[in-house]
Every structure is written in C-alpha cells, then in structure tokens.
C-alpha cells in the first residue's frame, strides 16, 4: 500500500529532485567546457617544415607534401633521413606512366613505395630478381625493368644499377631509407 503524503511534502520532494538534476547538469556542463578548453586546437598542433622550397605538413604522424597536383605521404621528413650516402638515381619522371616492380623484405618500406609511387607509375607489381627463387605466380624481372629491391642488410645504402634500385639497411631503418630514396628521386634532396 502506498504511503500518503501531504501536497506540501510532495512539492518539496519534487523541487529537491529538480534541484539535484539541475546541479548535476550544471556540473557536467562546466567540466565539459573546462575539458574542451584544455584540448589542443588542431590548427595549433599542425607542424610544418620547409625543406629546399618544399613544404611538408605533419598530420596524424605522417608528413604530407603537395606537389604536381599530387599528395605524397611519408613516415619521415627530409630532416629525419640524414646520414645515408648519396648516389645517382633515376628521377621521378623515369617511373611515370611505366610499370614498377618491387621485391621487399620489409612491409613498412613497401608501403612507403606503394603510397607514393602508385599514383605516378602505371602500377606496382611484386616480382623476383632474375636468379632468385620465387613463387610461381610472381614474375621474374631483371634490371631492364623499373625494379625496386628492398632488402635487410647491416649497411644502409641506395644503389642504382641500370633500372634496378637496391634499397638496403637494418630492418628498423628500411622505411626511413625508403623515404630518403623517394626524396632523392623527387629532387627534394640532392643526389
């Protein structure tokens, strides 16, 4: 059975509930405003660097370069890839409109190539270098084709041999060395 209460007590209880709910809402709104004010403004946290006249913008831990009406996306910026000995390489236009073949022992380095050269080349396909053993359904190519070979090695180097480019280095450095290769063929860095 329900207890009988006076109208005065019912109204008092109702007002107390409204006061508590109002107080909770005010509390939530105030802390939302305070929390929002401490968040960093995305435009303030965007980093930009200028390297040899090229402007790189850092977004979501990637460095973006807009060039030739294309967006090139790198894991590293040119300042972070210093220390790799220069070598003579073909330039970006040598990859333009032609198929590109790749053999890679490092997924991160391979992704750097796909992300940037796939928009320039006629397509990127996996391949094996003539003389190496490979899977049946993957073609075997030689250095007459545009061919990138990314291998783990103790020494960091980028070597052009005819139309083959050998990108070599320690596993943890291969993505950085690959970005260095891209900066050089795009003429961002001198060869």
N, C-alpha and C. Protein backbone atom coordinates (compact mmCIF):
# COMPACT_ATOMS: atom_id res chain seq x y z
N UNK A 1 0.81 -1.17 0.00
CA UNK A 1 0.00 0.00 0.00
C UNK A 1 0.88 1.25 0.00
N UNK A 2 0.47 2.24 -0.71
CA UNK A 2 1.22 3.47 -0.85
C UNK A 2 1.00 4.39 0.33
N UNK A 3 2.11 5.01 0.73
CA UNK A 3 2.02 5.90 1.87
C UNK A 3 1.42 7.23 1.44
N UNK A 4 0.61 7.78 2.26
CA UNK A 4 0.01 9.08 1.98
C UNK A 4 0.95 10.18 2.45
N UNK A 5 1.16 11.13 1.55
CA UNK A 5 1.99 12.28 1.92
C UNK A 5 1.25 13.54 1.55
N UNK A 6 1.57 14.57 2.26
CA UNK A 6 0.87 15.83 2.00
C UNK A 6 1.38 16.45 0.71
N UNK A 7 0.56 17.34 0.16
CA UNK A 7 0.93 18.01 -1.06
C UNK A 7 2.19 18.84 -0.86
N UNK A 8 2.34 19.39 0.29
CA UNK A 8 3.50 20.22 0.60
C UNK A 8 4.78 19.38 0.54
N UNK A 9 4.75 18.17 1.11
CA UNK A 9 5.92 17.29 1.09
C UNK A 9 6.21 16.81 -0.34
N UNK A 10 5.17 16.53 -1.11
CA UNK A 10 5.36 16.09 -2.49
C UNK A 10 6.03 17.18 -3.32
N UNK A 11 5.57 18.40 -3.14
CA UNK A 11 6.17 19.51 -3.89
C UNK A 11 7.60 19.76 -3.45
N UNK A 12 7.84 19.63 -2.17
CA UNK A 12 9.19 19.82 -1.64
C UNK A 12 10.12 18.75 -2.21
N UNK A 13 9.66 17.52 -2.26
CA UNK A 13 10.45 16.41 -2.80
C UNK A 13 10.71 16.61 -4.30
N UNK A 14 9.69 17.08 -5.02
CA UNK A 14 9.81 17.33 -6.44
C UNK A 14 10.84 18.44 -6.71
N UNK A 15 10.79 19.50 -5.92
CA UNK A 15 11.74 20.60 -6.07
C UNK A 15 13.16 20.14 -5.75
N UNK A 16 13.31 19.29 -4.76
CA UNK A 16 14.63 18.77 -4.39
C UNK A 16 15.21 17.94 -5.53
N UNK A 17 14.39 17.10 -6.15
CA UNK A 17 14.84 16.30 -7.29
C UNK A 17 15.23 17.21 -8.46
N UNK A 18 14.45 18.24 -8.73
CA UNK A 18 14.76 19.16 -9.82
C UNK A 18 16.07 19.90 -9.53
N UNK A 19 16.28 20.28 -8.29
CA UNK A 19 17.49 20.98 -7.88
C UNK A 19 18.72 20.08 -8.06
N UNK A 20 18.59 18.81 -7.65
CA UNK A 20 19.69 17.87 -7.79
C UNK A 20 20.01 17.62 -9.27
N UNK A 21 19.00 17.40 -10.08
CA UNK A 21 19.21 17.16 -11.52
C UNK A 21 19.82 18.40 -12.17
N UNK A 22 19.32 19.58 -11.83
CA UNK A 22 19.87 20.83 -12.36
C UNK A 22 21.33 20.99 -11.96
N UNK A 23 21.65 20.68 -10.71
CA UNK A 23 23.02 20.79 -10.23
C UNK A 23 23.94 19.83 -10.97
N UNK A 24 23.48 18.61 -11.20
CA UNK A 24 24.28 17.63 -11.92
C UNK A 24 24.53 18.11 -13.36
N UNK A 25 23.49 18.63 -14.02
CA UNK A 25 23.64 19.13 -15.38
C UNK A 25 24.63 20.31 -15.44
N UNK A 26 24.53 21.23 -14.48
CA UNK A 26 25.46 22.36 -14.44
C UNK A 26 26.89 21.85 -14.24
N UNK A 27 27.06 20.87 -13.36
CA UNK A 27 28.37 20.28 -13.08
C UNK A 27 28.96 19.67 -14.36
N UNK A 28 28.14 18.90 -15.08
CA UNK A 28 28.59 18.26 -16.32
C UNK A 28 28.96 19.31 -17.37
N UNK A 29 28.14 20.34 -17.51
CA UNK A 29 28.41 21.38 -18.50
C UNK A 29 29.70 22.14 -18.17
N UNK A 30 29.91 22.46 -16.90
CA UNK A 30 31.12 23.18 -16.52
C UNK A 30 32.38 22.35 -16.81
N UNK A 31 32.35 21.08 -16.45
CA UNK A 31 33.53 20.24 -16.70
C UNK A 31 33.72 19.97 -18.19
N UNK A 32 32.65 19.96 -18.97
CA UNK A 32 32.79 19.82 -20.41
C UNK A 32 33.50 21.04 -20.99
N UNK A 33 33.13 22.21 -20.53
CA UNK A 33 33.76 23.44 -21.00
C UNK A 33 35.23 23.47 -20.60
N UNK A 34 35.52 23.11 -19.35
CA UNK A 34 36.91 23.08 -18.88
C UNK A 34 37.72 22.05 -19.68
N UNK A 35 37.17 20.87 -19.90
CA UNK A 35 37.87 19.83 -20.66
C UNK A 35 38.12 20.26 -22.09
N UNK A 36 37.15 20.90 -22.72
CA UNK A 36 37.30 21.35 -24.09
C UNK A 36 38.39 22.43 -24.19
N UNK A 37 38.45 23.30 -23.20
CA UNK A 37 39.44 24.38 -23.25
C UNK A 37 40.87 23.85 -23.12
N UNK A 38 41.06 22.67 -22.51
CA UNK A 38 42.40 22.11 -22.37
C UNK A 38 42.82 21.27 -23.57
N UNK A 39 41.88 20.95 -24.46
CA UNK A 39 42.24 20.21 -25.66
C UNK A 39 43.03 21.11 -26.57
N UNK A 40 44.00 20.50 -27.31
CA UNK A 40 44.80 21.31 -28.22
C UNK A 40 43.99 21.57 -29.49
N UNK A 41 44.15 22.73 -29.99
CA UNK A 41 43.50 23.12 -31.23
C UNK A 41 44.25 22.45 -32.38
N UNK A 42 43.54 21.72 -33.28
CA UNK A 42 44.23 21.02 -34.36
C UNK A 42 45.10 21.94 -35.21
N UNK A 43 44.67 23.17 -35.44
CA UNK A 43 45.47 24.07 -36.27
C UNK A 43 46.75 24.48 -35.54
N UNK A 44 46.72 24.53 -34.21
CA UNK A 44 47.91 24.88 -33.46
C UNK A 44 48.90 23.73 -33.40
N UNK A 45 48.41 22.48 -33.41
CA UNK A 45 49.30 21.32 -33.28
C UNK A 45 49.87 20.86 -34.62
N UNK A 46 49.42 21.45 -35.73
CA UNK A 46 49.93 21.08 -37.03
C UNK A 46 51.35 21.63 -37.18
N UNK A 47 52.28 20.75 -37.48
CA UNK A 47 53.67 21.16 -37.67
C UNK A 47 53.95 21.24 -39.16
N UNK A 48 54.74 22.23 -39.53
CA UNK A 48 55.16 22.37 -40.91
C UNK A 48 56.67 22.59 -40.93
N UNK A 49 57.29 22.01 -41.94
CA UNK A 49 58.70 22.32 -42.18
C UNK A 49 58.87 22.65 -43.65
N UNK A 50 59.84 23.48 -43.93
CA UNK A 50 60.18 23.84 -45.30
C UNK A 50 61.57 23.30 -45.56
N UNK A 51 61.71 22.48 -46.57
CA UNK A 51 63.00 21.87 -46.90
C UNK A 51 63.26 22.10 -48.39
N UNK A 52 64.28 22.85 -48.71
CA UNK A 52 64.64 23.15 -50.11
C UNK A 52 63.46 23.66 -50.93
N UNK A 53 62.61 24.46 -50.32
CA UNK A 53 61.47 25.02 -51.02
C UNK A 53 60.24 24.13 -51.06
N UNK A 54 60.30 22.98 -50.43
CA UNK A 54 59.15 22.06 -50.36
C UNK A 54 58.55 22.16 -48.96
N UNK A 55 57.24 22.33 -48.88
CA UNK A 55 56.58 22.46 -47.57
C UNK A 55 55.93 21.12 -47.18
N UNK A 56 56.36 20.59 -46.05
CA UNK A 56 55.83 19.34 -45.50
C UNK A 56 54.95 19.69 -44.31
N UNK A 57 53.77 19.07 -44.25
CA UNK A 57 52.84 19.28 -43.15
C UNK A 57 52.65 17.97 -42.41
N UNK A 58 52.79 18.01 -41.09
CA UNK A 58 52.62 16.80 -40.28
C UNK A 58 51.15 16.67 -39.90
N UNK A 59 50.55 15.55 -40.30
CA UNK A 59 49.16 15.24 -39.96
C UNK A 59 49.09 13.78 -39.56
N UNK A 60 48.61 13.53 -38.36
CA UNK A 60 48.45 12.16 -37.86
C UNK A 60 49.74 11.36 -37.97
N UNK A 61 50.86 11.96 -37.62
CA UNK A 61 52.18 11.33 -37.61
C UNK A 61 52.70 10.98 -39.00
N UNK A 62 52.17 11.60 -40.04
CA UNK A 62 52.69 11.45 -41.39
C UNK A 62 53.03 12.83 -41.93
N UNK A 63 54.05 12.89 -42.79
CA UNK A 63 54.46 14.14 -43.42
C UNK A 63 53.89 14.17 -44.82
N UNK A 64 53.11 15.21 -45.11
CA UNK A 64 52.40 15.31 -46.38
C UNK A 64 53.02 16.44 -47.21
N UNK A 65 53.27 16.13 -48.46
CA UNK A 65 53.80 17.10 -49.41
C UNK A 65 52.84 17.15 -50.59
N UNK A 66 52.37 18.35 -50.91
CA UNK A 66 51.56 18.53 -52.11
C UNK A 66 52.47 19.04 -53.21
N UNK A 67 52.60 18.25 -54.26
CA UNK A 67 53.49 18.61 -55.37
C UNK A 67 52.91 18.05 -56.66
N UNK A 68 52.96 18.83 -57.72
CA UNK A 68 52.50 18.40 -59.03
C UNK A 68 51.06 17.90 -58.97
N UNK A 69 50.22 18.57 -58.21
CA UNK A 69 48.81 18.23 -58.02
C UNK A 69 48.60 16.84 -57.41
N UNK A 70 49.61 16.34 -56.71
CA UNK A 70 49.53 15.03 -56.05
C UNK A 70 49.88 15.21 -54.57
N UNK A 71 49.35 14.32 -53.74
CA UNK A 71 49.71 14.29 -52.32
C UNK A 71 50.67 13.13 -52.08
N UNK A 72 51.87 13.47 -51.65
CA UNK A 72 52.85 12.46 -51.29
C UNK A 72 52.88 12.38 -49.77
N UNK A 73 52.87 11.16 -49.25
CA UNK A 73 52.77 10.94 -47.80
C UNK A 73 53.97 10.10 -47.36
N UNK A 74 54.68 10.63 -46.37
CA UNK A 74 55.90 9.98 -45.89
C UNK A 74 55.81 9.75 -44.38
N UNK A 75 56.45 8.72 -43.92
CA UNK A 75 56.55 8.46 -42.48
C UNK A 75 57.57 9.41 -41.84
N UNK A 76 58.59 9.80 -42.61
CA UNK A 76 59.65 10.66 -42.11
C UNK A 76 59.75 11.91 -42.97
N UNK A 77 60.28 12.98 -42.40
CA UNK A 77 60.52 14.18 -43.19
C UNK A 77 61.99 14.18 -43.62
N UNK A 78 62.39 15.05 -44.56
CA UNK A 78 63.77 15.03 -45.06
C UNK A 78 64.84 15.26 -43.98
N UNK A 79 64.51 15.99 -42.93
CA UNK A 79 65.48 16.22 -41.87
C UNK A 79 65.76 14.95 -41.06
N UNK A 80 64.80 14.03 -41.06
CA UNK A 80 64.93 12.80 -40.28
C UNK A 80 65.67 11.70 -41.04
N UNK A 81 65.97 11.93 -42.31
CA UNK A 81 66.61 10.88 -43.11
C UNK A 81 68.06 11.21 -43.46
N UNK A 82 68.66 12.09 -42.72
CA UNK A 82 70.05 12.48 -42.98
C UNK A 82 70.97 11.30 -42.68
N UNK A 83 72.14 11.29 -43.32
CA UNK A 83 73.17 10.32 -42.99
C UNK A 83 73.29 9.14 -43.93
N UNK A 84 72.46 9.06 -44.95
CA UNK A 84 72.55 7.96 -45.91
C UNK A 84 73.36 8.46 -47.10
N UNK A 85 74.44 7.77 -47.46
CA UNK A 85 75.31 8.27 -48.53
C UNK A 85 74.54 8.48 -49.83
N UNK A 86 74.78 9.62 -50.50
CA UNK A 86 74.07 9.88 -51.76
C UNK A 86 74.57 8.98 -52.88
N UNK A 87 73.72 8.77 -53.84
CA UNK A 87 74.09 8.01 -55.04
C UNK A 87 73.26 8.55 -56.20
N UNK A 88 73.71 8.28 -57.42
CA UNK A 88 72.99 8.72 -58.61
C UNK A 88 71.77 7.82 -58.82
N UNK A 89 70.60 8.44 -58.90
CA UNK A 89 69.36 7.69 -59.08
C UNK A 89 68.57 8.28 -60.24
N UNK A 90 67.72 7.46 -60.84
CA UNK A 90 66.78 7.99 -61.82
C UNK A 90 65.80 8.90 -61.09
N UNK A 91 65.20 9.83 -61.83
CA UNK A 91 64.26 10.76 -61.22
C UNK A 91 62.82 10.25 -61.34
N UNK A 92 61.93 10.93 -60.68
CA UNK A 92 60.52 10.53 -60.62
C UNK A 92 59.92 10.34 -62.01
N UNK A 93 60.25 11.20 -62.95
CA UNK A 93 59.68 11.09 -64.29
C UNK A 93 60.06 9.77 -64.97
N UNK A 94 61.15 9.14 -64.53
CA UNK A 94 61.53 7.83 -65.09
C UNK A 94 60.58 6.72 -64.65
N UNK A 95 59.78 6.97 -63.62
CA UNK A 95 58.79 5.99 -63.14
C UNK A 95 57.38 6.31 -63.64
N UNK A 96 57.22 7.49 -64.17
CA UNK A 96 55.90 7.98 -64.57
C UNK A 96 55.38 7.23 -65.80
N UNK A 97 54.17 6.71 -65.66
CA UNK A 97 53.50 6.04 -66.76
C UNK A 97 54.09 4.71 -67.15
N UNK A 98 54.94 4.15 -66.32
CA UNK A 98 55.56 2.84 -66.60
C UNK A 98 55.25 1.89 -65.46
N UNK A 99 55.21 0.59 -65.75
CA UNK A 99 55.01 -0.36 -64.64
C UNK A 99 56.25 -0.36 -63.73
N UNK A 100 56.01 -0.57 -62.46
CA UNK A 100 57.09 -0.63 -61.47
C UNK A 100 56.99 -1.98 -60.77
N UNK A 101 58.11 -2.64 -60.64
CA UNK A 101 58.16 -3.94 -59.98
C UNK A 101 58.88 -3.78 -58.65
N UNK A 102 58.48 -4.58 -57.67
CA UNK A 102 59.06 -4.44 -56.34
C UNK A 102 59.25 -5.81 -55.70
N UNK A 103 60.39 -5.95 -55.05
CA UNK A 103 60.63 -7.08 -54.16
C UNK A 103 61.02 -6.45 -52.83
N UNK A 104 60.33 -6.83 -51.75
CA UNK A 104 60.62 -6.21 -50.47
C UNK A 104 60.61 -7.23 -49.34
N UNK A 105 61.59 -7.08 -48.47
CA UNK A 105 61.65 -7.89 -47.24
C UNK A 105 61.12 -7.12 -46.05
N UNK A 106 60.56 -5.91 -46.29
CA UNK A 106 60.08 -5.07 -45.20
C UNK A 106 58.76 -4.43 -45.60
N UNK A 107 57.71 -4.75 -44.87
CA UNK A 107 56.37 -4.28 -45.20
C UNK A 107 56.24 -2.76 -45.10
N UNK A 108 56.84 -2.14 -44.07
CA UNK A 108 56.74 -0.69 -43.91
C UNK A 108 57.38 0.05 -45.07
N UNK A 109 58.54 -0.42 -45.51
CA UNK A 109 59.21 0.20 -46.65
C UNK A 109 58.38 0.02 -47.92
N UNK A 110 57.82 -1.15 -48.08
CA UNK A 110 56.98 -1.44 -49.26
C UNK A 110 55.76 -0.52 -49.29
N UNK A 111 55.17 -0.29 -48.12
CA UNK A 111 54.00 0.61 -48.04
C UNK A 111 54.38 2.02 -48.47
N UNK A 112 55.57 2.50 -48.07
CA UNK A 112 56.03 3.83 -48.47
C UNK A 112 56.08 3.93 -50.00
N UNK A 113 56.58 2.90 -50.64
CA UNK A 113 56.66 2.90 -52.10
C UNK A 113 55.26 2.90 -52.72
N UNK A 114 54.41 2.00 -52.28
CA UNK A 114 53.05 1.92 -52.83
C UNK A 114 52.31 3.24 -52.64
N UNK A 115 52.40 3.80 -51.45
CA UNK A 115 51.65 5.03 -51.12
C UNK A 115 52.06 6.19 -52.03
N UNK A 116 53.30 6.24 -52.43
CA UNK A 116 53.79 7.40 -53.17
C UNK A 116 53.98 7.16 -54.67
N UNK A 117 54.48 6.02 -55.06
CA UNK A 117 54.77 5.81 -56.48
C UNK A 117 53.60 5.20 -57.24
N UNK A 118 52.63 4.64 -56.55
CA UNK A 118 51.48 4.06 -57.24
C UNK A 118 50.67 5.13 -57.98
N UNK A 119 50.70 6.35 -57.48
CA UNK A 119 49.97 7.44 -58.13
C UNK A 119 50.72 8.01 -59.34
N UNK A 120 51.96 7.61 -59.52
CA UNK A 120 52.79 8.11 -60.62
C UNK A 120 53.01 7.03 -61.67
N UNK A 121 53.27 5.80 -61.22
CA UNK A 121 53.59 4.71 -62.14
C UNK A 121 52.32 4.13 -62.76
N UNK A 122 52.53 3.22 -63.67
CA UNK A 122 51.41 2.54 -64.33
C UNK A 122 50.85 1.42 -63.45
N UNK A 123 51.42 1.24 -62.29
CA UNK A 123 51.01 0.21 -61.35
C UNK A 123 52.24 -0.44 -60.76
N UNK A 124 52.08 -0.96 -59.56
CA UNK A 124 53.19 -1.62 -58.87
C UNK A 124 52.85 -3.09 -58.72
N UNK A 125 53.78 -3.92 -59.13
CA UNK A 125 53.56 -5.37 -59.05
C UNK A 125 54.74 -6.01 -58.34
N UNK A 126 54.45 -7.06 -57.60
CA UNK A 126 55.52 -7.82 -56.95
C UNK A 126 56.27 -8.63 -58.00
N UNK A 127 57.57 -8.79 -57.78
CA UNK A 127 58.39 -9.57 -58.70
C UNK A 127 59.62 -10.08 -57.96
N UNK A 128 60.32 -11.00 -58.61
CA UNK A 128 61.59 -11.51 -58.10
C UNK A 128 62.67 -11.14 -59.10
N UNK A 129 63.87 -10.91 -58.60
CA UNK A 129 65.01 -10.60 -59.44
C UNK A 129 65.49 -11.87 -60.12
N UNK A 130 65.82 -11.76 -61.39
CA UNK A 130 66.30 -12.91 -62.14
C UNK A 130 67.46 -13.56 -61.39
N UNK A 131 67.39 -14.85 -61.22
CA UNK A 131 68.40 -15.59 -60.47
C UNK A 131 67.94 -15.95 -59.07
N UNK A 132 66.93 -15.24 -58.56
CA UNK A 132 66.36 -15.57 -57.24
C UNK A 132 65.20 -16.54 -57.42
N UNK A 133 64.98 -17.38 -56.43
CA UNK A 133 63.83 -18.28 -56.47
C UNK A 133 62.61 -17.55 -55.92
N UNK A 134 61.46 -17.82 -56.54
CA UNK A 134 60.24 -17.16 -56.10
C UNK A 134 59.03 -18.04 -56.29
N UNK A 135 57.88 -17.48 -56.00
CA UNK A 135 56.63 -18.20 -56.19
C UNK A 135 56.30 -18.26 -57.67
N UNK A 136 55.54 -19.28 -58.05
CA UNK A 136 55.22 -19.49 -59.46
C UNK A 136 54.44 -18.35 -60.09
N UNK A 137 53.49 -17.78 -59.36
CA UNK A 137 52.61 -16.78 -59.95
C UNK A 137 53.19 -15.36 -59.89
N UNK A 138 54.40 -15.18 -59.38
CA UNK A 138 55.04 -13.86 -59.31
C UNK A 138 56.13 -13.83 -60.38
N UNK A 139 56.12 -12.80 -61.25
CA UNK A 139 57.07 -12.77 -62.37
C UNK A 139 58.52 -12.55 -61.91
N UNK A 140 59.42 -12.96 -62.77
CA UNK A 140 60.86 -12.75 -62.57
C UNK A 140 61.27 -11.63 -63.52
N UNK A 141 61.93 -10.61 -62.98
CA UNK A 141 62.33 -9.45 -63.76
C UNK A 141 63.83 -9.24 -63.64
N UNK A 142 64.36 -8.40 -64.53
CA UNK A 142 65.78 -8.07 -64.47
C UNK A 142 65.94 -6.55 -64.41
N UNK A 143 67.15 -6.07 -64.53
CA UNK A 143 67.41 -4.64 -64.36
C UNK A 143 67.13 -3.81 -65.61
N UNK A 144 66.46 -4.42 -66.59
CA UNK A 144 65.96 -3.62 -67.72
C UNK A 144 64.59 -3.05 -67.38
N UNK A 145 63.94 -3.60 -66.37
CA UNK A 145 62.63 -3.13 -65.92
C UNK A 145 62.82 -2.17 -64.76
N UNK A 146 61.84 -1.28 -64.55
CA UNK A 146 61.85 -0.45 -63.34
C UNK A 146 61.60 -1.39 -62.17
N UNK A 147 62.62 -1.60 -61.36
CA UNK A 147 62.55 -2.64 -60.34
C UNK A 147 63.19 -2.12 -59.05
N UNK A 148 62.46 -2.16 -57.96
CA UNK A 148 62.97 -1.79 -56.64
C UNK A 148 63.15 -3.05 -55.81
N UNK A 149 64.33 -3.21 -55.24
CA UNK A 149 64.62 -4.37 -54.40
C UNK A 149 64.96 -3.83 -53.01
N UNK A 150 64.12 -4.15 -52.04
CA UNK A 150 64.30 -3.66 -50.67
C UNK A 150 64.70 -4.86 -49.81
N UNK A 151 65.93 -4.80 -49.29
CA UNK A 151 66.45 -5.93 -48.53
C UNK A 151 67.06 -5.47 -47.22
N UNK A 152 66.98 -6.37 -46.23
CA UNK A 152 67.64 -6.11 -44.95
C UNK A 152 69.13 -6.35 -45.11
N UNK A 153 69.92 -5.43 -44.51
CA UNK A 153 71.37 -5.51 -44.59
C UNK A 153 71.93 -4.69 -43.43
N UNK A 154 73.14 -4.96 -43.02
CA UNK A 154 73.75 -4.18 -41.93
C UNK A 154 74.11 -2.76 -42.37
N UNK A 155 74.42 -2.58 -43.65
CA UNK A 155 74.81 -1.27 -44.16
C UNK A 155 73.65 -0.58 -44.85
N UNK A 156 73.45 0.70 -44.53
CA UNK A 156 72.39 1.48 -45.17
C UNK A 156 72.91 2.05 -46.47
N UNK A 157 72.21 1.74 -47.57
CA UNK A 157 72.63 2.26 -48.87
C UNK A 157 71.50 2.19 -49.88
N UNK A 158 71.61 3.06 -50.87
CA UNK A 158 70.69 3.07 -52.00
C UNK A 158 71.56 3.04 -53.25
N UNK A 159 71.39 2.01 -54.07
CA UNK A 159 72.26 1.82 -55.24
C UNK A 159 71.39 1.64 -56.49
N UNK A 160 71.71 2.42 -57.53
CA UNK A 160 71.04 2.29 -58.83
C UNK A 160 71.93 1.46 -59.73
N UNK A 161 71.37 0.40 -60.34
CA UNK A 161 72.09 -0.43 -61.31
C UNK A 161 71.15 -0.61 -62.50
N UNK A 162 71.44 0.10 -63.60
CA UNK A 162 70.54 0.19 -64.74
C UNK A 162 69.19 0.70 -64.24
N UNK A 163 68.11 -0.09 -64.42
CA UNK A 163 66.79 0.34 -63.93
C UNK A 163 66.42 -0.32 -62.61
N UNK A 164 67.36 -0.98 -61.97
CA UNK A 164 67.14 -1.57 -60.64
C UNK A 164 67.64 -0.61 -59.56
N UNK A 165 66.89 -0.51 -58.50
CA UNK A 165 67.35 0.25 -57.33
C UNK A 165 67.35 -0.71 -56.15
N UNK A 166 68.50 -0.80 -55.49
CA UNK A 166 68.64 -1.64 -54.31
C UNK A 166 68.61 -0.73 -53.09
N UNK A 167 67.60 -0.89 -52.26
CA UNK A 167 67.47 -0.14 -51.01
C UNK A 167 67.77 -1.12 -49.89
N UNK A 168 68.84 -0.85 -49.15
CA UNK A 168 69.28 -1.81 -48.14
C UNK A 168 69.55 -1.10 -46.82
N UNK A 169 69.33 -1.85 -45.73
CA UNK A 169 69.63 -1.32 -44.41
C UNK A 169 69.06 -2.23 -43.34
N UNK A 170 69.33 -1.89 -42.07
CA UNK A 170 68.76 -2.66 -40.97
C UNK A 170 67.23 -2.60 -41.00
N UNK A 171 66.60 -3.64 -40.53
CA UNK A 171 65.13 -3.75 -40.58
C UNK A 171 64.43 -2.51 -40.06
N UNK A 172 64.88 -1.99 -38.90
CA UNK A 172 64.20 -0.86 -38.27
C UNK A 172 64.44 0.45 -39.02
N UNK A 173 65.37 0.48 -39.97
CA UNK A 173 65.70 1.70 -40.70
C UNK A 173 65.19 1.70 -42.14
N UNK A 174 64.65 0.59 -42.62
CA UNK A 174 64.31 0.48 -44.04
C UNK A 174 63.23 1.47 -44.50
N UNK A 175 62.24 1.76 -43.68
CA UNK A 175 61.22 2.74 -44.07
C UNK A 175 61.85 4.12 -44.20
N UNK A 176 62.76 4.46 -43.31
CA UNK A 176 63.45 5.75 -43.36
C UNK A 176 64.34 5.84 -44.61
N UNK A 177 65.04 4.77 -44.93
CA UNK A 177 65.90 4.74 -46.11
C UNK A 177 65.05 4.83 -47.37
N UNK A 178 63.89 4.20 -47.35
CA UNK A 178 62.97 4.26 -48.49
C UNK A 178 62.47 5.68 -48.69
N UNK A 179 62.14 6.38 -47.60
CA UNK A 179 61.74 7.78 -47.73
C UNK A 179 62.89 8.62 -48.30
N UNK A 180 64.12 8.33 -47.88
CA UNK A 180 65.29 9.03 -48.43
C UNK A 180 65.37 8.81 -49.94
N UNK A 181 65.15 7.58 -50.39
CA UNK A 181 65.12 7.27 -51.82
C UNK A 181 64.06 8.14 -52.52
N UNK A 182 62.87 8.21 -51.95
CA UNK A 182 61.79 9.00 -52.54
C UNK A 182 62.14 10.48 -52.60
N UNK A 183 62.75 11.01 -51.54
CA UNK A 183 63.15 12.42 -51.54
C UNK A 183 64.16 12.72 -52.64
N UNK A 184 65.04 11.77 -52.90
CA UNK A 184 66.07 11.98 -53.93
C UNK A 184 65.49 11.90 -55.34
N UNK A 185 64.62 10.93 -55.60
CA UNK A 185 64.08 10.83 -56.96
C UNK A 185 63.09 11.96 -57.25
N UNK A 186 62.52 12.55 -56.19
CA UNK A 186 61.61 13.68 -56.36
C UNK A 186 62.37 15.00 -56.38
N UNK A 187 63.69 14.94 -56.29
CA UNK A 187 64.56 16.11 -56.30
C UNK A 187 64.31 17.05 -55.13
N UNK A 188 63.82 16.51 -54.04
CA UNK A 188 63.69 17.26 -52.79
C UNK A 188 65.07 17.37 -52.15
N UNK A 189 65.82 16.29 -52.26
CA UNK A 189 67.21 16.26 -51.78
C UNK A 189 68.12 16.06 -52.98
N UNK A 190 69.32 16.59 -52.86
CA UNK A 190 70.31 16.42 -53.93
C UNK A 190 70.87 15.01 -53.92
N UNK A 191 71.27 14.55 -55.09
CA UNK A 191 71.87 13.23 -55.20
C UNK A 191 73.37 13.32 -55.18
